[in-house]
Amino acid sequence: MRGMKISNIVGRTGETVAADFLRDKGYQLIEFNFRKNYTEIDIIAIYRNTTVFVEVKTRKNDSFGTPFEAITRTKIANLVHTAHVYMKLHPNLPKAMRIDAIGVTLDEDNKLESIEHVENISGF
């Protein structure tokens, strides 16, 4: 991680923590950091015959708001669009789909302080 900005290190650490969390819950992780145009989906997984697109937000404190406060309506709309593009590119995945969010808070040593998983943030 040499040469990475602190915010990138925190983000990648949060994504790693989130991936481990999902694996422990029985999710089959199939792709990380899928990017289309200006939107990135952090984690794509299959869980109980549903394709799940996961947005991970990581914070070290609440100075800039909680992790979930960083997920705007515009971000959700972009995630929905990108998820549909991904499904067209991968027609063999389960047709049922949803977008989840995971909020990760790390302590000053980048150790997990808390993690919260919210399912179906887009409502489709």
N, C-alpha and C. Protein backbone atom coordinates (compact mmCIF):
# COMPACT_ATOMS: atom_id res chain seq x y z
N MET A 1 0.82 -1.19 0.00
CA MET A 1 0.00 0.00 0.00
C MET A 1 0.86 1.26 0.00
N ARG A 2 2.11 1.07 -0.24
CA ARG A 2 3.03 2.20 -0.25
C ARG A 2 2.65 3.17 -1.36
N GLY A 3 2.63 4.45 -1.04
CA GLY A 3 2.29 5.46 -2.02
C GLY A 3 0.81 5.77 -2.11
N MET A 4 -0.02 5.03 -1.41
CA MET A 4 -1.45 5.29 -1.42
C MET A 4 -1.80 6.40 -0.44
N LYS A 5 -2.80 7.20 -0.80
CA LYS A 5 -3.29 8.22 0.10
C LYS A 5 -3.95 7.55 1.31
N ILE A 6 -3.94 8.24 2.45
CA ILE A 6 -4.53 7.69 3.68
C ILE A 6 -5.99 7.32 3.44
N SER A 7 -6.75 8.17 2.74
CA SER A 7 -8.17 7.87 2.50
C SER A 7 -8.34 6.59 1.68
N ASN A 8 -7.43 6.34 0.73
CA ASN A 8 -7.49 5.11 -0.05
C ASN A 8 -7.18 3.90 0.81
N ILE A 9 -6.23 4.03 1.72
CA ILE A 9 -5.89 2.92 2.62
C ILE A 9 -7.08 2.61 3.52
N VAL A 10 -7.70 3.64 4.07
CA VAL A 10 -8.88 3.43 4.92
C VAL A 10 -9.98 2.76 4.12
N GLY A 11 -10.24 3.24 2.90
CA GLY A 11 -11.27 2.65 2.05
C GLY A 11 -11.02 1.20 1.72
N ARG A 12 -9.79 0.88 1.35
CA ARG A 12 -9.45 -0.51 1.02
C ARG A 12 -9.54 -1.41 2.25
N THR A 13 -9.12 -0.88 3.40
CA THR A 13 -9.24 -1.66 4.63
C THR A 13 -10.70 -1.95 4.92
N GLY A 14 -11.56 -0.95 4.76
CA GLY A 14 -12.99 -1.14 4.97
C GLY A 14 -13.58 -2.18 4.03
N GLU A 15 -13.15 -2.15 2.77
CA GLU A 15 -13.65 -3.13 1.80
C GLU A 15 -13.20 -4.55 2.17
N THR A 16 -11.99 -4.68 2.66
CA THR A 16 -11.49 -5.99 3.09
C THR A 16 -12.29 -6.51 4.28
N VAL A 17 -12.53 -5.63 5.25
CA VAL A 17 -13.34 -5.99 6.43
C VAL A 17 -14.74 -6.40 5.99
N ALA A 18 -15.34 -5.62 5.08
CA ALA A 18 -16.69 -5.91 4.60
C ALA A 18 -16.74 -7.25 3.86
N ALA A 19 -15.74 -7.52 3.05
CA ALA A 19 -15.69 -8.79 2.32
C ALA A 19 -15.62 -9.97 3.29
N ASP A 20 -14.78 -9.88 4.31
CA ASP A 20 -14.69 -10.94 5.32
C ASP A 20 -16.03 -11.12 6.04
N PHE A 21 -16.67 -10.00 6.37
CA PHE A 21 -17.97 -10.01 7.04
C PHE A 21 -19.01 -10.75 6.19
N LEU A 22 -19.05 -10.43 4.89
CA LEU A 22 -20.01 -11.08 4.00
C LEU A 22 -19.72 -12.56 3.83
N ARG A 23 -18.45 -12.91 3.67
CA ARG A 23 -18.08 -14.33 3.57
C ARG A 23 -18.56 -15.09 4.80
N ASP A 24 -18.35 -14.50 5.97
CA ASP A 24 -18.77 -15.15 7.22
C ASP A 24 -20.29 -15.33 7.29
N LYS A 25 -21.04 -14.48 6.59
CA LYS A 25 -22.50 -14.59 6.56
C LYS A 25 -22.99 -15.53 5.46
N GLY A 26 -22.06 -16.10 4.69
CA GLY A 26 -22.44 -17.07 3.66
C GLY A 26 -22.58 -16.51 2.26
N TYR A 27 -22.13 -15.28 2.03
CA TYR A 27 -22.18 -14.70 0.69
C TYR A 27 -21.04 -15.28 -0.15
N GLN A 28 -21.33 -15.54 -1.42
CA GLN A 28 -20.30 -15.96 -2.38
C GLN A 28 -19.84 -14.71 -3.12
N LEU A 29 -18.64 -14.27 -2.85
CA LEU A 29 -18.12 -13.06 -3.47
C LEU A 29 -17.62 -13.38 -4.87
N ILE A 30 -18.06 -12.58 -5.86
CA ILE A 30 -17.69 -12.91 -7.24
C ILE A 30 -16.86 -11.83 -7.92
N GLU A 31 -16.93 -10.58 -7.45
CA GLU A 31 -16.12 -9.53 -8.08
C GLU A 31 -15.97 -8.35 -7.12
N PHE A 32 -14.84 -7.65 -7.28
CA PHE A 32 -14.56 -6.46 -6.48
C PHE A 32 -14.29 -5.29 -7.41
N ASN A 33 -14.73 -4.11 -6.99
CA ASN A 33 -14.40 -2.85 -7.65
C ASN A 33 -14.72 -2.83 -9.15
N PHE A 34 -15.94 -3.26 -9.48
CA PHE A 34 -16.41 -3.17 -10.86
C PHE A 34 -16.71 -1.72 -11.17
N ARG A 35 -16.09 -1.22 -12.24
CA ARG A 35 -16.22 0.20 -12.59
C ARG A 35 -16.85 0.32 -13.98
N LYS A 36 -17.85 1.20 -14.06
CA LYS A 36 -18.46 1.55 -15.34
C LYS A 36 -18.65 3.05 -15.33
N ASN A 37 -18.02 3.72 -16.30
CA ASN A 37 -18.03 5.18 -16.35
C ASN A 37 -17.49 5.73 -15.02
N TYR A 38 -18.30 6.49 -14.30
CA TYR A 38 -17.81 7.12 -13.07
C TYR A 38 -18.30 6.43 -11.80
N THR A 39 -18.95 5.29 -11.93
CA THR A 39 -19.48 4.60 -10.76
C THR A 39 -18.75 3.28 -10.55
N GLU A 40 -18.44 3.01 -9.29
CA GLU A 40 -17.78 1.75 -8.93
C GLU A 40 -18.66 1.02 -7.94
N ILE A 41 -18.83 -0.27 -8.18
CA ILE A 41 -19.50 -1.14 -7.21
C ILE A 41 -18.41 -1.87 -6.47
N ASP A 42 -18.39 -1.72 -5.15
CA ASP A 42 -17.28 -2.23 -4.35
C ASP A 42 -17.22 -3.75 -4.32
N ILE A 43 -18.37 -4.38 -4.07
CA ILE A 43 -18.41 -5.84 -3.96
C ILE A 43 -19.66 -6.36 -4.68
N ILE A 44 -19.49 -7.42 -5.45
CA ILE A 44 -20.62 -8.10 -6.07
C ILE A 44 -20.59 -9.53 -5.55
N ALA A 45 -21.76 -9.99 -5.09
CA ALA A 45 -21.83 -11.31 -4.45
C ALA A 45 -23.15 -11.99 -4.82
N ILE A 46 -23.21 -13.27 -4.52
CA ILE A 46 -24.46 -14.01 -4.64
C ILE A 46 -24.82 -14.50 -3.25
N TYR A 47 -26.08 -14.31 -2.90
CA TYR A 47 -26.57 -14.76 -1.59
C TYR A 47 -28.01 -15.24 -1.77
N ARG A 48 -28.23 -16.50 -1.45
CA ARG A 48 -29.58 -17.09 -1.52
C ARG A 48 -30.26 -16.79 -2.86
N ASN A 49 -29.57 -17.10 -3.94
CA ASN A 49 -30.08 -16.94 -5.30
C ASN A 49 -30.43 -15.49 -5.66
N THR A 50 -29.71 -14.55 -5.07
CA THR A 50 -29.86 -13.13 -5.37
C THR A 50 -28.48 -12.57 -5.67
N THR A 51 -28.38 -11.77 -6.72
CA THR A 51 -27.14 -11.06 -7.00
C THR A 51 -27.17 -9.79 -6.17
N VAL A 52 -26.13 -9.60 -5.36
CA VAL A 52 -26.09 -8.49 -4.40
C VAL A 52 -24.92 -7.57 -4.76
N PHE A 53 -25.25 -6.29 -4.92
CA PHE A 53 -24.25 -5.26 -5.21
C PHE A 53 -24.07 -4.47 -3.92
N VAL A 54 -22.83 -4.37 -3.45
CA VAL A 54 -22.58 -3.81 -2.13
C VAL A 54 -21.73 -2.54 -2.22
N GLU A 55 -22.25 -1.47 -1.64
CA GLU A 55 -21.51 -0.21 -1.49
C GLU A 55 -20.92 -0.20 -0.09
N VAL A 56 -19.61 -0.03 0.01
CA VAL A 56 -18.93 0.00 1.30
C VAL A 56 -18.46 1.42 1.58
N LYS A 57 -18.83 1.94 2.73
CA LYS A 57 -18.35 3.26 3.16
C LYS A 57 -17.62 3.09 4.49
N THR A 58 -16.43 3.66 4.56
CA THR A 58 -15.58 3.49 5.74
C THR A 58 -15.21 4.86 6.30
N ARG A 59 -15.24 4.94 7.61
CA ARG A 59 -14.87 6.17 8.30
C ARG A 59 -13.99 5.81 9.51
N LYS A 60 -13.18 6.79 9.91
CA LYS A 60 -12.39 6.64 11.14
C LYS A 60 -13.05 7.40 12.28
N ASN A 61 -13.94 8.34 11.94
CA ASN A 61 -14.71 9.08 12.94
C ASN A 61 -15.90 9.71 12.22
N ASP A 62 -16.72 10.43 12.95
CA ASP A 62 -17.91 11.03 12.36
C ASP A 62 -17.71 12.48 11.94
N SER A 63 -16.48 12.94 11.82
CA SER A 63 -16.21 14.33 11.43
C SER A 63 -16.87 14.69 10.10
N PHE A 64 -16.93 13.74 9.19
CA PHE A 64 -17.55 13.96 7.89
C PHE A 64 -18.87 13.21 7.78
N GLY A 65 -19.48 12.90 8.93
CA GLY A 65 -20.74 12.16 8.94
C GLY A 65 -20.50 10.67 9.09
N THR A 66 -21.59 9.96 9.30
CA THR A 66 -21.50 8.50 9.42
C THR A 66 -21.26 7.90 8.04
N PRO A 67 -20.84 6.65 7.99
CA PRO A 67 -20.64 6.03 6.68
C PRO A 67 -21.88 6.11 5.79
N PHE A 68 -23.06 5.88 6.36
CA PHE A 68 -24.27 5.84 5.55
C PHE A 68 -24.70 7.22 5.06
N GLU A 69 -24.32 8.26 5.77
CA GLU A 69 -24.65 9.61 5.33
C GLU A 69 -23.94 9.99 4.03
N ALA A 70 -22.91 9.25 3.69
CA ALA A 70 -22.16 9.52 2.46
C ALA A 70 -22.82 8.90 1.23
N ILE A 71 -23.88 8.13 1.43
CA ILE A 71 -24.55 7.49 0.31
C ILE A 71 -25.78 8.34 -0.07
N THR A 72 -25.63 9.11 -1.10
CA THR A 72 -26.68 10.04 -1.53
C THR A 72 -27.66 9.36 -2.48
N ARG A 73 -28.76 10.04 -2.76
CA ARG A 73 -29.73 9.53 -3.75
C ARG A 73 -29.07 9.38 -5.11
N THR A 74 -28.22 10.34 -5.45
CA THR A 74 -27.52 10.28 -6.73
C THR A 74 -26.61 9.05 -6.78
N LYS A 75 -25.90 8.79 -5.69
CA LYS A 75 -25.03 7.61 -5.63
C LYS A 75 -25.85 6.34 -5.81
N ILE A 76 -27.01 6.26 -5.14
CA ILE A 76 -27.86 5.08 -5.27
C ILE A 76 -28.34 4.93 -6.70
N ALA A 77 -28.77 6.02 -7.33
CA ALA A 77 -29.23 5.96 -8.72
C ALA A 77 -28.10 5.47 -9.64
N ASN A 78 -26.89 5.95 -9.41
CA ASN A 78 -25.74 5.50 -10.21
C ASN A 78 -25.44 4.02 -9.97
N LEU A 79 -25.57 3.58 -8.72
CA LEU A 79 -25.35 2.16 -8.42
C LEU A 79 -26.39 1.29 -9.11
N VAL A 80 -27.64 1.72 -9.10
CA VAL A 80 -28.71 0.97 -9.76
C VAL A 80 -28.40 0.83 -11.25
N HIS A 81 -28.04 1.93 -11.87
CA HIS A 81 -27.71 1.90 -13.30
C HIS A 81 -26.55 0.94 -13.58
N THR A 82 -25.50 1.05 -12.79
CA THR A 82 -24.31 0.21 -12.99
C THR A 82 -24.63 -1.26 -12.71
N ALA A 83 -25.48 -1.52 -11.73
CA ALA A 83 -25.89 -2.90 -11.44
C ALA A 83 -26.62 -3.51 -12.64
N HIS A 84 -27.49 -2.74 -13.27
CA HIS A 84 -28.19 -3.23 -14.46
C HIS A 84 -27.22 -3.50 -15.61
N VAL A 85 -26.24 -2.64 -15.78
CA VAL A 85 -25.21 -2.88 -16.81
C VAL A 85 -24.49 -4.18 -16.50
N TYR A 86 -24.11 -4.37 -15.24
CA TYR A 86 -23.40 -5.59 -14.86
C TYR A 86 -24.24 -6.83 -15.15
N MET A 87 -25.53 -6.75 -14.84
CA MET A 87 -26.41 -7.91 -15.08
C MET A 87 -26.50 -8.23 -16.57
N LYS A 88 -26.50 -7.21 -17.42
CA LYS A 88 -26.54 -7.46 -18.87
C LYS A 88 -25.25 -8.12 -19.34
N LEU A 89 -24.13 -7.75 -18.71
CA LEU A 89 -22.84 -8.35 -19.07
C LEU A 89 -22.68 -9.77 -18.53
N HIS A 90 -23.48 -10.13 -17.52
CA HIS A 90 -23.37 -11.45 -16.87
C HIS A 90 -24.75 -12.08 -16.77
N PRO A 91 -25.31 -12.53 -17.91
CA PRO A 91 -26.69 -13.03 -17.92
C PRO A 91 -26.91 -14.33 -17.16
N ASN A 92 -25.85 -15.03 -16.77
CA ASN A 92 -26.02 -16.30 -16.06
C ASN A 92 -26.16 -16.12 -14.55
N LEU A 93 -26.06 -14.90 -14.04
CA LEU A 93 -26.22 -14.66 -12.60
C LEU A 93 -27.70 -14.73 -12.23
N PRO A 94 -27.98 -14.96 -10.94
CA PRO A 94 -29.38 -14.95 -10.52
C PRO A 94 -30.05 -13.63 -10.92
N LYS A 95 -31.27 -13.71 -11.43
CA LYS A 95 -31.98 -12.51 -11.91
C LYS A 95 -32.41 -11.60 -10.77
N ALA A 96 -32.74 -12.18 -9.62
CA ALA A 96 -33.10 -11.35 -8.46
C ALA A 96 -31.86 -10.57 -8.05
N MET A 97 -32.06 -9.29 -7.77
CA MET A 97 -30.90 -8.48 -7.41
C MET A 97 -31.30 -7.43 -6.39
N ARG A 98 -30.29 -6.96 -5.66
CA ARG A 98 -30.51 -5.86 -4.70
C ARG A 98 -29.19 -5.15 -4.48
N ILE A 99 -29.30 -3.93 -3.91
CA ILE A 99 -28.13 -3.15 -3.55
C ILE A 99 -28.11 -2.99 -2.05
N ASP A 100 -27.01 -3.39 -1.43
CA ASP A 100 -26.81 -3.28 0.01
C ASP A 100 -25.74 -2.24 0.30
N ALA A 101 -25.69 -1.82 1.54
CA ALA A 101 -24.62 -0.93 1.99
C ALA A 101 -24.01 -1.49 3.26
N ILE A 102 -22.72 -1.35 3.38
CA ILE A 102 -22.02 -1.72 4.61
C ILE A 102 -21.25 -0.50 5.09
N GLY A 103 -21.51 -0.13 6.33
CA GLY A 103 -20.79 0.98 6.95
C GLY A 103 -19.75 0.42 7.91
N VAL A 104 -18.52 0.83 7.73
CA VAL A 104 -17.41 0.35 8.55
C VAL A 104 -16.79 1.55 9.28
N THR A 105 -16.57 1.39 10.56
CA THR A 105 -15.85 2.41 11.33
C THR A 105 -14.58 1.75 11.88
N LEU A 106 -13.45 2.42 11.62
CA LEU A 106 -12.16 1.92 12.09
C LEU A 106 -11.65 2.82 13.20
N ASP A 107 -10.82 2.24 14.07
CA ASP A 107 -10.20 3.06 15.10
C ASP A 107 -8.94 3.71 14.52
N GLU A 108 -8.21 4.41 15.35
CA GLU A 108 -7.01 5.14 14.87
C GLU A 108 -5.92 4.23 14.34
N ASP A 109 -5.95 2.94 14.72
CA ASP A 109 -4.96 1.98 14.23
C ASP A 109 -5.48 1.15 13.06
N ASN A 110 -6.58 1.62 12.44
CA ASN A 110 -7.23 0.92 11.33
C ASN A 110 -7.76 -0.45 11.71
N LYS A 111 -8.12 -0.62 12.95
CA LYS A 111 -8.75 -1.86 13.42
C LYS A 111 -10.26 -1.63 13.45
N LEU A 112 -11.01 -2.70 13.23
CA LEU A 112 -12.46 -2.60 13.18
C LEU A 112 -13.04 -2.13 14.51
N GLU A 113 -13.81 -1.07 14.44
CA GLU A 113 -14.52 -0.57 15.61
C GLU A 113 -15.99 -1.00 15.54
N SER A 114 -16.60 -0.84 14.35
CA SER A 114 -17.98 -1.29 14.17
C SER A 114 -18.25 -1.55 12.70
N ILE A 115 -19.25 -2.39 12.45
CA ILE A 115 -19.68 -2.69 11.08
C ILE A 115 -21.19 -2.86 11.11
N GLU A 116 -21.85 -2.30 10.10
CA GLU A 116 -23.30 -2.40 9.99
C GLU A 116 -23.65 -2.69 8.54
N HIS A 117 -24.57 -3.62 8.36
CA HIS A 117 -24.99 -4.05 7.02
C HIS A 117 -26.47 -3.71 6.85
N VAL A 118 -26.79 -2.93 5.83
CA VAL A 118 -28.17 -2.58 5.52
C VAL A 118 -28.50 -3.17 4.15
N GLU A 119 -29.52 -4.00 4.11
CA GLU A 119 -29.90 -4.64 2.86
C GLU A 119 -30.90 -3.79 2.08
N ASN A 120 -30.80 -3.88 0.77
CA ASN A 120 -31.77 -3.31 -0.17
C ASN A 120 -31.97 -1.80 0.01
N ILE A 121 -30.90 -1.04 -0.12
CA ILE A 121 -30.98 0.41 0.07
C ILE A 121 -31.67 1.11 -1.09
N SER A 122 -31.83 0.43 -2.23
CA SER A 122 -32.42 1.07 -3.40
C SER A 122 -33.91 0.81 -3.53
N GLY A 123 -34.39 -0.22 -2.89
CA GLY A 123 -35.81 -0.55 -2.95
C GLY A 123 -36.26 -1.30 -4.19
N PHE A 124 -35.32 -1.76 -5.02
CA PHE A 124 -35.80 -2.57 -6.18
C PHE A 124 -35.57 -4.02 -5.94
